[in-house]
Amino acid sequence: MVEQINSKDRMNFRIIHRKTALIQEHLESMQRDSFGIEFEAWKNEVDEIWKQIFQIITLLTEESQQIVLGNIQEEWVSYITHYGVLDFNQDGG
């Protein structure tokens, strides 16, 4: 399946992979220093990197989008559940 992906999508896969690795580094730093003065700056950087990743994903073919979204699912879910992007404690009202 991956062999059939066009070269432009392959290049974008590599870019997304590198950006995801950078996010992991930031998240590890944020976890070690959640009350530190750098936390907000790290979170802003991670937010911007995610924005860039999703902008790249929109350029991919549908098949490639599915592959990439599967590859980044764990990092994305971890991020949105631990860093205030979604609040699962709301009562729905």
PDB file of N, CA and C in Angstrom:
ATOM      1  N   MET A   1       0.831  -1.192   0.000  1.00  0.00           N
ATOM      2  CA  MET A   1       0.000   0.000   0.000  1.00  0.00           C
ATOM      3  C   MET A   1       0.873   1.253   0.000  1.00  0.00           C
ATOM      4  N   VAL A   2       1.878   1.315   0.874  1.00  0.00           N
ATOM      5  CA  VAL A   2       2.738   2.490   0.946  1.00  0.00           C
ATOM      6  C   VAL A   2       3.557   2.652  -0.329  1.00  0.00           C
ATOM      7  N   GLU A   3       3.864   1.525  -1.001  1.00  0.00           N
ATOM      8  CA  GLU A   3       4.649   1.596  -2.229  1.00  0.00           C
ATOM      9  C   GLU A   3       3.918   2.357  -3.327  1.00  0.00           C
ATOM     10  N   GLN A   4       2.588   2.396  -3.264  1.00  0.00           N
ATOM     11  CA  GLN A   4       1.789   3.027  -4.302  1.00  0.00           C
ATOM     12  C   GLN A   4       1.596   4.527  -4.061  1.00  0.00           C
ATOM     13  N   ILE A   5       2.097   5.045  -2.966  1.00  0.00           N
ATOM     14  CA  ILE A   5       1.912   6.455  -2.617  1.00  0.00           C
ATOM     15  C   ILE A   5       2.857   7.299  -3.465  1.00  0.00           C
ATOM     16  N   ASN A   6       2.337   8.409  -3.970  1.00  0.00           N
ATOM     17  CA  ASN A   6       3.154   9.247  -4.850  1.00  0.00           C
ATOM     18  C   ASN A   6       4.299   9.912  -4.075  1.00  0.00           C
ATOM     19  N   SER A   7       5.278  10.395  -4.810  1.00  0.00           N
ATOM     20  CA  SER A   7       6.498  10.922  -4.190  1.00  0.00           C
ATOM     21  C   SER A   7       6.234  12.178  -3.358  1.00  0.00           C
ATOM     22  N   LYS A   8       5.292  12.998  -3.776  1.00  0.00           N
ATOM     23  CA  LYS A   8       4.969  14.203  -3.008  1.00  0.00           C
ATOM     24  C   LYS A   8       4.387  13.831  -1.647  1.00  0.00           C
ATOM     25  N   ASP A   9       3.494  12.850  -1.626  1.00  0.00           N
ATOM     26  CA  ASP A   9       2.938  12.397  -0.359  1.00  0.00           C
ATOM     27  C   ASP A   9       4.011  11.779   0.523  1.00  0.00           C
ATOM     28  N   ARG A  10       4.926  11.027  -0.085  1.00  0.00           N
ATOM     29  CA  ARG A  10       6.031  10.437   0.688  1.00  0.00           C
ATOM     30  C   ARG A  10       6.878  11.509   1.357  1.00  0.00           C
ATOM     31  N   MET A  11       7.158  12.573   0.628  1.00  0.00           N
ATOM     32  CA  MET A  11       7.925  13.684   1.200  1.00  0.00           C
ATOM     33  C   MET A  11       7.149  14.296   2.366  1.00  0.00           C
ATOM     34  N   ASN A  12       5.853  14.489   2.179  1.00  0.00           N
ATOM     35  CA  ASN A  12       5.038  15.046   3.255  1.00  0.00           C
ATOM     36  C   ASN A  12       4.951  14.103   4.449  1.00  0.00           C
ATOM     37  N   PHE A  13       4.968  12.795   4.220  1.00  0.00           N
ATOM     38  CA  PHE A  13       5.022  11.820   5.322  1.00  0.00           C
ATOM     39  C   PHE A  13       6.261  12.077   6.174  1.00  0.00           C
ATOM     40  N   ARG A  14       7.398  12.272   5.510  1.00  0.00           N
ATOM     41  CA  ARG A  14       8.649  12.499   6.243  1.00  0.00           C
ATOM     42  C   ARG A  14       8.589  13.800   7.042  1.00  0.00           C
ATOM     43  N   ILE A  15       8.018  14.835   6.448  1.00  0.00           N
ATOM     44  CA  ILE A  15       7.882  16.116   7.154  1.00  0.00           C
ATOM     45  C   ILE A  15       6.994  15.934   8.383  1.00  0.00           C
ATOM     46  N   ILE A  16       5.877  15.265   8.220  1.00  0.00           N
ATOM     47  CA  ILE A  16       4.960  15.033   9.341  1.00  0.00           C
ATOM     48  C   ILE A  16       5.647  14.206  10.419  1.00  0.00           C
ATOM     49  N   HIS A  17       6.401  13.185  10.011  1.00  0.00           N
ATOM     50  CA  HIS A  17       7.125  12.351  10.975  1.00  0.00           C
ATOM     51  C   HIS A  17       8.102  13.195  11.795  1.00  0.00           C
ATOM     52  N   ARG A  18       8.843  14.068  11.135  1.00  0.00           N
ATOM     53  CA  ARG A  18       9.802  14.929  11.848  1.00  0.00           C
ATOM     54  C   ARG A  18       9.091  15.892  12.797  1.00  0.00           C
ATOM     55  N   LYS A  19       7.983  16.457  12.348  1.00  0.00           N
ATOM     56  CA  LYS A  19       7.226  17.381  13.191  1.00  0.00           C
ATOM     57  C   LYS A  19       6.620  16.651  14.392  1.00  0.00           C
ATOM     58  N   THR A  20       6.172  15.430  14.185  1.00  0.00           N
ATOM     59  CA  THR A  20       5.627  14.641  15.280  1.00  0.00           C
ATOM     60  C   THR A  20       6.715  14.316  16.303  1.00  0.00           C
ATOM     61  N   ALA A  21       7.915  14.029  15.838  1.00  0.00           N
ATOM     62  CA  ALA A  21       9.033  13.783  16.755  1.00  0.00           C
ATOM     63  C   ALA A  21       9.341  15.042  17.575  1.00  0.00           C
ATOM     64  N   LEU A  22       9.274  16.197  16.951  1.00  0.00           N
ATOM     65  CA  LEU A  22       9.486  17.464  17.656  1.00  0.00           C
ATOM     66  C   LEU A  22       8.401  17.679  18.709  1.00  0.00           C
ATOM     67  N   ILE A  23       7.177  17.338  18.371  1.00  0.00           N
ATOM     68  CA  ILE A  23       6.083  17.441  19.336  1.00  0.00           C
ATOM     69  C   ILE A  23       6.367  16.544  20.534  1.00  0.00           C
ATOM     70  N   GLN A  24       6.824  15.333  20.285  1.00  0.00           N
ATOM     71  CA  GLN A  24       7.140  14.416  21.382  1.00  0.00           C
ATOM     72  C   GLN A  24       8.175  15.023  22.330  1.00  0.00           C
ATOM     73  N   GLU A  25       9.203  15.648  21.785  1.00  0.00           N
ATOM     74  CA  GLU A  25      10.221  16.290  22.615  1.00  0.00           C
ATOM     75  C   GLU A  25       9.604  17.393  23.470  1.00  0.00           C
ATOM     76  N   HIS A  26       8.750  18.194  22.858  1.00  0.00           N
ATOM     77  CA  HIS A  26       8.091  19.278  23.594  1.00  0.00           C
ATOM     78  C   HIS A  26       7.181  18.721  24.690  1.00  0.00           C
ATOM     79  N   LEU A  27       6.423  17.680  24.370  1.00  0.00           N
ATOM     80  CA  LEU A  27       5.507  17.113  25.356  1.00  0.00           C
ATOM     81  C   LEU A  27       6.266  16.532  26.543  1.00  0.00           C
ATOM     82  N   GLU A  28       7.400  15.899  26.284  1.00  0.00           N
ATOM     83  CA  GLU A  28       8.216  15.381  27.380  1.00  0.00           C
ATOM     84  C   GLU A  28       8.716  16.519  28.261  1.00  0.00           C
ATOM     85  N   SER A  29       9.117  17.609  27.655  1.00  0.00           N
ATOM     86  CA  SER A  29       9.561  18.780  28.416  1.00  0.00           C
ATOM     87  C   SER A  29       8.412  19.370  29.221  1.00  0.00           C
ATOM     88  N   MET A  30       7.249  19.435  28.607  1.00  0.00           N
ATOM     89  CA  MET A  30       6.076  19.982  29.287  1.00  0.00           C
ATOM     90  C   MET A  30       5.695  19.117  30.488  1.00  0.00           C
ATOM     91  N   GLN A  31       5.805  17.806  30.349  1.00  0.00           N
ATOM     92  CA  GLN A  31       5.458  16.907  31.439  1.00  0.00           C
ATOM     93  C   GLN A  31       6.425  17.061  32.608  1.00  0.00           C
ATOM     94  N   ARG A  32       7.695  17.298  32.318  1.00  0.00           N
ATOM     95  CA  ARG A  32       8.694  17.468  33.380  1.00  0.00           C
ATOM     96  C   ARG A  32       8.556  18.803  34.093  1.00  0.00           C
ATOM     97  N   ASP A  33       7.981  19.792  33.407  1.00  0.00           N
ATOM     98  CA  ASP A  33       7.974  21.149  33.954  1.00  0.00           C
ATOM     99  C   ASP A  33       6.619  21.812  33.734  1.00  0.00           C
ATOM    100  N   SER A  34       5.540  21.165  34.202  1.00  0.00           N
ATOM    101  CA  SER A  34       4.202  21.657  33.905  1.00  0.00           C
ATOM    102  C   SER A  34       3.874  22.985  34.569  1.00  0.00           C
ATOM    103  N   PHE A  35       4.623  23.370  35.585  1.00  0.00           N
ATOM    104  CA  PHE A  35       4.365  24.652  36.240  1.00  0.00           C
ATOM    105  C   PHE A  35       5.486  25.656  36.004  1.00  0.00           C
ATOM    106  N   GLY A  36       6.392  25.307  35.093  1.00  0.00           N
ATOM    107  CA  GLY A  36       7.539  26.164  34.829  1.00  0.00           C
ATOM    108  C   GLY A  36       7.208  27.327  33.914  1.00  0.00           C
ATOM    109  N   ILE A  37       8.144  28.251  33.838  1.00  0.00           N
ATOM    110  CA  ILE A  37       7.922  29.452  33.035  1.00  0.00           C
ATOM    111  C   ILE A  37       7.917  29.158  31.540  1.00  0.00           C
ATOM    112  N   GLU A  38       8.471  28.020  31.124  1.00  0.00           N
ATOM    113  CA  GLU A  38       8.528  27.675  29.700  1.00  0.00           C
ATOM    114  C   GLU A  38       7.281  26.938  29.213  1.00  0.00           C
ATOM    115  N   PHE A  39       6.431  26.488  30.138  1.00  0.00           N
ATOM    116  CA  PHE A  39       5.297  25.646  29.752  1.00  0.00           C
ATOM    117  C   PHE A  39       4.424  26.299  28.688  1.00  0.00           C
ATOM    118  N   GLU A  40       4.028  27.523  28.891  1.00  0.00           N
ATOM    119  CA  GLU A  40       3.131  28.203  27.947  1.00  0.00           C
ATOM    120  C   GLU A  40       3.776  28.359  26.568  1.00  0.00           C
ATOM    121  N   ALA A  41       5.056  28.691  26.551  1.00  0.00           N
ATOM    122  CA  ALA A  41       5.769  28.819  25.270  1.00  0.00           C
ATOM    123  C   ALA A  41       5.827  27.477  24.544  1.00  0.00           C
ATOM    124  N   TRP A  42       6.118  26.393  25.294  1.00  0.00           N
ATOM    125  CA  TRP A  42       6.155  25.063  24.682  1.00  0.00           C
ATOM    126  C   TRP A  42       4.791  24.697  24.127  1.00  0.00           C
ATOM    127  N   LYS A  43       3.743  24.953  24.904  1.00  0.00           N
ATOM    128  CA  LYS A  43       2.388  24.610  24.456  1.00  0.00           C
ATOM    129  C   LYS A  43       2.035  25.390  23.190  1.00  0.00           C
ATOM    130  N   ASN A  44       2.377  26.661  23.144  1.00  0.00           N
ATOM    131  CA  ASN A  44       2.105  27.461  21.943  1.00  0.00           C
ATOM    132  C   ASN A  44       2.846  26.902  20.740  1.00  0.00           C
ATOM    133  N   GLU A  45       4.089  26.480  20.929  1.00  0.00           N
ATOM    134  CA  GLU A  45       4.857  25.893  19.834  1.00  0.00           C
ATOM    135  C   GLU A  45       4.218  24.589  19.358  1.00  0.00           C
ATOM    136  N   VAL A  46       3.801  23.763  20.305  1.00  0.00           N
ATOM    137  CA  VAL A  46       3.175  22.492  19.941  1.00  0.00           C
ATOM    138  C   VAL A  46       1.869  22.737  19.196  1.00  0.00           C
ATOM    139  N   ASP A  47       1.088  23.691  19.671  1.00  0.00           N
ATOM    140  CA  ASP A  47      -0.155  24.042  18.964  1.00  0.00           C
ATOM    141  C   ASP A  47       0.137  24.434  17.518  1.00  0.00           C
ATOM    142  N   GLU A  48       1.166  25.218  17.314  1.00  0.00           N
ATOM    143  CA  GLU A  48       1.529  25.663  15.964  1.00  0.00           C
ATOM    144  C   GLU A  48       2.025  24.497  15.109  1.00  0.00           C
ATOM    145  N   ILE A  49       2.788  23.596  15.702  1.00  0.00           N
ATOM    146  CA  ILE A  49       3.272  22.429  14.953  1.00  0.00           C
ATOM    147  C   ILE A  49       2.105  21.549  14.529  1.00  0.00           C
ATOM    148  N   TRP A  50       1.136  21.340  15.441  1.00  0.00           N
ATOM    149  CA  TRP A  50      -0.050  20.551  15.072  1.00  0.00           C
ATOM    150  C   TRP A  50      -0.794  21.224  13.926  1.00  0.00           C
ATOM    151  N   LYS A  51      -0.914  22.529  13.984  1.00  0.00           N
ATOM    152  CA  LYS A  51      -1.590  23.262  12.916  1.00  0.00           C
ATOM    153  C   LYS A  51      -0.879  23.016  11.574  1.00  0.00           C
ATOM    154  N   GLN A  52       0.455  23.072  11.594  1.00  0.00           N
ATOM    155  CA  GLN A  52       1.227  22.824  10.378  1.00  0.00           C
ATOM    156  C   GLN A  52       1.010  21.398   9.872  1.00  0.00           C
ATOM    157  N   ILE A  53       0.996  20.438  10.788  1.00  0.00           N
ATOM    158  CA  ILE A  53       0.787  19.040  10.407  1.00  0.00           C
ATOM    159  C   ILE A  53      -0.560  18.867   9.715  1.00  0.00           C
ATOM    160  N   PHE A  54      -1.599  19.434  10.304  1.00  0.00           N
ATOM    161  CA  PHE A  54      -2.920  19.258   9.701  1.00  0.00           C
ATOM    162  C   PHE A  54      -3.057  20.020   8.385  1.00  0.00           C
ATOM    163  N   GLN A  55      -2.326  21.108   8.225  1.00  0.00           N
ATOM    164  CA  GLN A  55      -2.317  21.794   6.931  1.00  0.00           C
ATOM    165  C   GLN A  55      -1.667  20.916   5.867  1.00  0.00           C
ATOM    166  N   ILE A  56      -0.598  20.227   6.227  1.00  0.00           N
ATOM    167  CA  ILE A  56       0.066  19.317   5.290  1.00  0.00           C
ATOM    168  C   ILE A  56      -0.854  18.146   4.950  1.00  0.00           C
ATOM    169  N   ILE A  57      -1.544  17.616   5.958  1.00  0.00           N
ATOM    170  CA  ILE A  57      -2.434  16.476   5.732  1.00  0.00           C
ATOM    171  C   ILE A  57      -3.509  16.819   4.701  1.00  0.00           C
ATOM    172  N   THR A  58      -3.988  18.051   4.700  1.00  0.00           N
ATOM    173  CA  THR A  58      -5.022  18.429   3.724  1.00  0.00           C
ATOM    174  C   THR A  58      -4.499  18.382   2.287  1.00  0.00           C
ATOM    175  N   LEU A  59      -3.190  18.409   2.104  1.00  0.00           N
ATOM    176  CA  LEU A  59      -2.602  18.363   0.771  1.00  0.00           C
ATOM    177  C   LEU A  59      -2.436  16.939   0.242  1.00  0.00           C
ATOM    178  N   LEU A  60      -2.579  15.952   1.118  1.00  0.00           N
ATOM    179  CA  LEU A  60      -2.354  14.562   0.753  1.00  0.00           C
ATOM    180  C   LEU A  60      -3.564  13.968   0.035  1.00  0.00           C
ATOM    181  N   THR A  61      -3.313  12.880  -0.683  1.00  0.00           N
ATOM    182  CA  THR A  61      -4.418  12.123  -1.260  1.00  0.00           C
ATOM    183  C   THR A  61      -5.216  11.482  -0.127  1.00  0.00           C
ATOM    184  N   GLU A  62      -6.428  11.070  -0.423  1.00  0.00           N
ATOM    185  CA  GLU A  62      -7.291  10.487   0.612  1.00  0.00           C
ATOM    186  C   GLU A  62      -6.645   9.251   1.251  1.00  0.00           C
ATOM    187  N   GLU A  63      -6.061   8.395   0.447  1.00  0.00           N
ATOM    188  CA  GLU A  63      -5.408   7.188   0.966  1.00  0.00           C
ATOM    189  C   GLU A  63      -4.263   7.565   1.904  1.00  0.00           C
ATOM    190  N   SER A  64      -3.459   8.534   1.504  1.00  0.00           N
ATOM    191  CA  SER A  64      -2.342   8.975   2.326  1.00  0.00           C
ATOM    192  C   SER A  64      -2.824   9.627   3.618  1.00  0.00           C
ATOM    193  N   GLN A  65      -3.918  10.376   3.528  1.00  0.00           N
ATOM    194  CA  GLN A  65      -4.475  10.996   4.728  1.00  0.00           C
ATOM    195  C   GLN A  65      -4.843   9.937   5.752  1.00  0.00           C
ATOM    196  N   GLN A  66      -5.473   8.876   5.305  1.00  0.00           N
ATOM    197  CA  GLN A  66      -5.871   7.805   6.216  1.00  0.00           C
ATOM    198  C   GLN A  66      -4.661   7.172   6.893  1.00  0.00           C
ATOM    199  N   ILE A  67      -3.609   6.962   6.121  1.00  0.00           N
ATOM    200  CA  ILE A  67      -2.392   6.360   6.673  1.00  0.00           C
ATOM    201  C   ILE A  67      -1.779   7.278   7.723  1.00  0.00           C
ATOM    202  N   VAL A  68      -1.617   8.550   7.376  1.00  0.00           N
ATOM    203  CA  VAL A  68      -0.984   9.506   8.292  1.00  0.00           C
ATOM    204  C   VAL A  68      -1.813   9.687   9.553  1.00  0.00           C
ATOM    205  N   LEU A  69      -3.117   9.821   9.401  1.00  0.00           N
ATOM    206  CA  LEU A  69      -3.969  10.001  10.576  1.00  0.00           C
ATOM    207  C   LEU A  69      -3.875   8.798  11.513  1.00  0.00           C
ATOM    208  N   GLY A  70      -3.772   7.612  10.956  1.00  0.00           N
ATOM    209  CA  GLY A  70      -3.559   6.423  11.787  1.00  0.00           C
ATOM    210  C   GLY A  70      -2.221   6.468  12.492  1.00  0.00           C
ATOM    211  N   ASN A  71      -1.201   6.968  11.792  1.00  0.00           N
ATOM    212  CA  ASN A  71       0.149   7.034  12.372  1.00  0.00           C
ATOM    213  C   ASN A  71       0.262   8.046  13.504  1.00  0.00           C
ATOM    214  N   ILE A  72      -0.489   9.136  13.436  1.00  0.00           N
ATOM    215  CA  ILE A  72      -0.358  10.184  14.458  1.00  0.00           C
ATOM    216  C   ILE A  72      -1.458  10.126  15.515  1.00  0.00           C
ATOM    217  N   GLN A  73      -2.348   9.154  15.402  1.00  0.00           N
ATOM    218  CA  GLN A  73      -3.508   9.092  16.298  1.00  0.00           C
ATOM    219  C   GLN A  73      -3.113   9.069  17.773  1.00  0.00           C
ATOM    220  N   GLU A  74      -2.164   8.245  18.140  1.00  0.00           N
ATOM    221  CA  GLU A  74      -1.779   8.123  19.549  1.00  0.00           C
ATOM    222  C   GLU A  74      -1.259   9.444  20.109  1.00  0.00           C
ATOM    223  N   GLU A  75      -0.384  10.106  19.363  1.00  0.00           N
ATOM    224  CA  GLU A  75       0.159  11.384  19.818  1.00  0.00           C
ATOM    225  C   GLU A  75      -0.930  12.448  19.926  1.00  0.00           C
ATOM    226  N   TRP A  76      -1.821  12.478  18.925  1.00  0.00           N
ATOM    227  CA  TRP A  76      -2.896  13.477  18.914  1.00  0.00           C
ATOM    228  C   TRP A  76      -3.841  13.273  20.101  1.00  0.00           C
ATOM    229  N   VAL A  77      -4.270  12.037  20.323  1.00  0.00           N
ATOM    230  CA  VAL A  77      -5.193  11.756  21.429  1.00  0.00           C
ATOM    231  C   VAL A  77      -4.533  12.079  22.762  1.00  0.00           C
ATOM    232  N   SER A  78      -3.273  11.718  22.910  1.00  0.00           N
ATOM    233  CA  SER A  78      -2.543  12.040  24.140  1.00  0.00           C
ATOM    234  C   SER A  78      -2.499  13.545  24.353  1.00  0.00           C
ATOM    235  N   TYR A  79      -2.204  14.259  23.301  1.00  0.00           N
ATOM    236  CA  TYR A  79      -2.105  15.720  23.399  1.00  0.00           C
ATOM    237  C   TYR A  79      -3.444  16.351  23.781  1.00  0.00           C
ATOM    238  N   ILE A  80      -4.508  15.990  23.080  1.00  0.00           N
ATOM    239  CA  ILE A  80      -5.781  16.653  23.343  1.00  0.00           C
ATOM    240  C   ILE A  80      -6.365  16.283  24.698  1.00  0.00           C
ATOM    241  N   THR A  81      -6.023  15.106  25.216  1.00  0.00           N
ATOM    242  CA  THR A  81      -6.563  14.726  26.513  1.00  0.00           C
ATOM    243  C   THR A  81      -5.740  15.258  27.681  1.00  0.00           C
ATOM    244  N   HIS A  82      -4.459  15.513  27.488  1.00  0.00           N
ATOM    245  CA  HIS A  82      -3.604  15.931  28.598  1.00  0.00           C
ATOM    246  C   HIS A  82      -3.298  17.415  28.656  1.00  0.00           C
ATOM    247  N   TYR A  83      -3.533  18.140  27.581  1.00  0.00           N
ATOM    248  CA  TYR A  83      -3.097  19.535  27.560  1.00  0.00           C
ATOM    249  C   TYR A  83      -4.220  20.520  27.313  1.00  0.00           C
ATOM    250  N   GLY A  84      -5.415  20.168  27.768  1.00  0.00           N
ATOM    251  CA  GLY A  84      -6.495  21.124  27.817  1.00  0.00           C
ATOM    252  C   GLY A  84      -7.147  21.468  26.508  1.00  0.00           C
ATOM    253  N   VAL A  85      -6.885  20.716  25.466  1.00  0.00           N
ATOM    254  CA  VAL A  85      -7.539  21.001  24.200  1.00  0.00           C
ATOM    255  C   VAL A  85      -9.005  20.600  24.283  1.00  0.00           C
ATOM    256  N   LEU A  86      -9.269  19.484  24.950  1.00  0.00           N
ATOM    257  CA  LEU A  86     -10.631  19.022  25.189  1.00  0.00           C
ATOM    258  C   LEU A  86     -10.819  18.855  26.687  1.00  0.00           C
ATOM    259  N   ASP A  87     -11.987  19.195  27.177  1.00  0.00           N
ATOM    260  CA  ASP A  87     -12.293  19.027  28.587  1.00  0.00           C
ATOM    261  C   ASP A  87     -13.362  17.963  28.718  1.00  0.00           C
ATOM    262  N   PHE A  88     -12.946  16.743  29.082  1.00  0.00           N
ATOM    263  CA  PHE A  88     -13.869  15.627  29.207  1.00  0.00           C
ATOM    264  C   PHE A  88     -14.638  15.666  30.522  1.00  0.00           C
ATOM    265  N   ASN A  89     -14.357  16.641  31.392  1.00  0.00           N
ATOM    266  CA  ASN A  89     -15.030  16.731  32.677  1.00  0.00           C
ATOM    267  C   ASN A  89     -16.248  17.643  32.624  1.00  0.00           C
ATOM    268  N   GLN A  90     -16.586  18.163  31.470  1.00  0.00           N
ATOM    269  CA  GLN A  90     -17.748  19.019  31.340  1.00  0.00           C
ATOM    270  C   GLN A  90     -19.012  18.187  31.518  1.00  0.00           C
ATOM    271  N   ASP A  91     -20.055  18.801  32.060  1.00  0.00           N
ATOM    272  CA  ASP A  91     -21.303  18.089  32.297  1.00  0.00           C
ATOM    273  C   ASP A  91     -22.251  18.153  31.101  1.00  0.00           C
ATOM    274  N   GLY A  92     -21.780  18.692  29.985  1.00  0.00           N
ATOM    275  CA  GLY A  92     -22.586  18.748  28.780  1.00  0.00           C
ATOM    276  C   GLY A  92     -23.511  19.940  28.726  1.00  0.00           C
ATOM    277  N   GLY A  93     -23.495  20.788  29.739  1.00  0.00           N
ATOM    278  CA  GLY A  93     -24.395  21.931  29.756  1.00  0.00           C
ATOM    279  C   GLY A  93     -23.651  23.148  29.582  1.00  0.00           C
TER     280      GLY A  93
END
